[in-house]
C-alpha cells in the first residue's frame, strides 16, 4: 500500500536523479524489486546516487546500502545493470546482510 509520503519520497529520488543528470553527472538508480520475510524497505523503494556519492532515498540501511552504493558507483563507470540479493542465509550475513531475518533483491542500473 503506497501512502502519499511514499509517493513523494519516490518523486524526490527521481527528481534528484534527473537534476544530477542535467548537470552532466553520472547517475545510478537502485530499486527494491522483491522482499521475503522482514525487510527494512518495501518493494518500490528507491535510492539515487551520483558520481560523487551524493544520494537521495533509501533501499535498506547500514552495510547493505553501503554495498548498493559501491555497486552503483562501479556501474556508473562500466554501464549496465545488476541485481543484488541480501539476506541472512550466508556466512557473511552480519557483514553485509539483513539482521532482521529477511531477504531483499535490489536492481541497480546506471542511468543515461
Protein backbone atom coordinates (compact mmCIF):
# COMPACT_ATOMS: atom_id res chain seq x y z
CA UNK A 1 0.00 0.00 0.00
CA UNK A 2 1.54 3.31 -1.08
CA UNK A 3 0.96 6.37 1.01
CA UNK A 4 1.25 9.96 -0.17
CA UNK A 5 4.53 10.13 1.76
CA UNK A 6 5.90 7.08 -0.12
CA UNK A 7 4.97 8.63 -3.46
CA UNK A 8 6.51 11.98 -2.51
CA UNK A 9 9.75 10.27 -1.48
CA UNK A 10 9.88 8.36 -4.78
CA UNK A 11 9.29 11.59 -6.71
CA UNK A 12 12.20 13.25 -4.82
CA UNK A 13 14.51 10.37 -5.78
CA UNK A 14 13.63 10.57 -9.48
CA UNK A 15 13.71 14.38 -9.46
CA UNK A 16 17.18 14.38 -7.87
CA UNK A 17 18.47 11.81 -10.37
CA UNK A 18 17.18 13.89 -13.28
CA UNK A 19 18.67 17.07 -11.79
CA UNK A 20 22.09 15.45 -11.40
CA UNK A 21 21.90 14.09 -14.91
CA UNK A 22 21.07 17.51 -16.41
CA UNK A 23 24.13 18.85 -14.55
CA UNK A 24 26.21 16.34 -16.53
CA UNK A 25 26.85 13.97 -13.61
CA UNK A 26 26.84 10.20 -13.85
CA UNK A 27 23.85 8.74 -12.01
CA UNK A 28 22.63 5.33 -10.88
CA UNK A 29 19.27 4.26 -9.54
CA UNK A 30 18.64 1.37 -7.15
CA UNK A 31 15.15 -0.10 -6.66
CA UNK A 32 13.90 -2.77 -4.24
CA UNK A 33 12.29 -5.33 -6.56
CA UNK A 34 11.48 -8.15 -4.17
CA UNK A 35 11.37 -8.89 -0.44
CA UNK A 36 10.91 -12.02 1.66
CA UNK A 37 10.09 -12.00 5.34
CA UNK A 38 11.09 -8.97 7.35
CA UNK A 39 12.71 -6.27 5.22
CA UNK A 40 13.67 -2.69 6.10
CA UNK A 41 12.12 -1.09 2.99
CA UNK A 42 9.17 -2.19 0.82
CA UNK A 43 9.20 -3.14 -2.85
CA UNK A 44 9.45 0.02 -4.97
CA UNK A 45 11.74 1.89 -2.56
CA UNK A 46 14.46 3.72 -4.46
CA UNK A 47 17.88 5.25 -3.99
CA UNK A 48 19.55 7.65 -6.44
CA UNK A 49 23.33 8.05 -6.34
CA UNK A 50 25.55 10.46 -8.27
CA UNK A 51 29.21 10.01 -9.19
CA UNK A 52 30.35 11.99 -6.11
CA UNK A 53 28.46 9.63 -3.79
CA UNK A 54 25.59 12.01 -3.07
CA UNK A 55 22.37 10.10 -2.51
CA UNK A 56 18.64 10.55 -2.06
CA UNK A 57 16.22 7.90 -0.86
CA UNK A 58 16.84 4.50 0.71
CA UNK A 59 16.66 0.83 -0.22
CA UNK A 60 17.75 -0.64 3.10
CA UNK A 61 20.23 0.62 5.63
CA UNK A 62 23.64 0.07 7.11
CA UNK A 63 26.04 -2.26 5.32
CA UNK A 64 23.51 -3.28 2.68
CA UNK A 65 23.03 0.29 1.50
CA UNK A 66 26.80 0.78 1.51
CA UNK A 67 27.23 -2.25 -0.74
CA UNK A 68 24.49 -0.99 -3.08
CA UNK A 69 26.17 2.41 -3.33
CA UNK A 70 29.54 0.79 -4.11
CA UNK A 71 27.96 -1.30 -6.86
CA UNK A 72 26.17 1.78 -8.24
CA UNK A 73 29.45 3.71 -8.42
CA UNK A 74 31.05 0.84 -10.35
CA UNK A 75 28.09 0.61 -12.75
CA UNK A 76 28.30 4.34 -13.47
CA UNK A 77 31.75 3.71 -14.94
CA UNK A 78 31.03 0.44 -16.72
CA UNK A 79 27.38 0.99 -17.64
CA UNK A 80 24.66 -1.59 -17.46
CA UNK A 81 22.72 -3.02 -14.55
CA UNK A 82 22.89 -5.68 -11.88
CA UNK A 83 20.51 -7.42 -9.48
CA UNK A 84 21.80 -7.79 -5.92
CA UNK A 85 20.39 -10.05 -3.22
CA UNK A 86 20.94 -9.66 0.51
CA UNK A 87 19.82 -11.82 3.41
CA UNK A 88 20.94 -13.83 6.40
CA UNK A 89 21.36 -17.17 4.62
CA UNK A 90 25.11 -17.00 4.09
CA UNK A 91 28.24 -16.80 6.24
CA UNK A 92 28.60 -13.08 5.54
CA UNK A 93 25.12 -12.25 6.84
CA UNK A 94 26.32 -9.99 9.61
CA UNK A 95 28.94 -8.31 7.41
CA UNK A 96 26.61 -7.32 4.57
CA UNK A 97 23.20 -8.73 5.31
CA UNK A 98 19.89 -8.24 7.00
CA UNK A 99 19.90 -8.78 10.74
CA UNK A 100 16.08 -8.63 10.63
CA UNK A 101 15.90 -12.13 9.14
CA UNK A 102 14.51 -11.26 5.71
CA UNK A 103 15.87 -11.06 2.19
CA UNK A 104 15.76 -8.31 -0.39
CA UNK A 105 16.57 -8.09 -4.10
CA UNK A 106 17.70 -4.74 -5.43
CA UNK A 107 18.01 -3.78 -9.10
CA UNK A 108 20.81 -1.26 -9.68
CA UNK A 109 21.27 0.49 -13.01
CA UNK A 110 23.38 3.25 -14.48
CA UNK A 111 21.07 5.96 -15.81
CA UNK A 112 21.64 7.67 -19.11
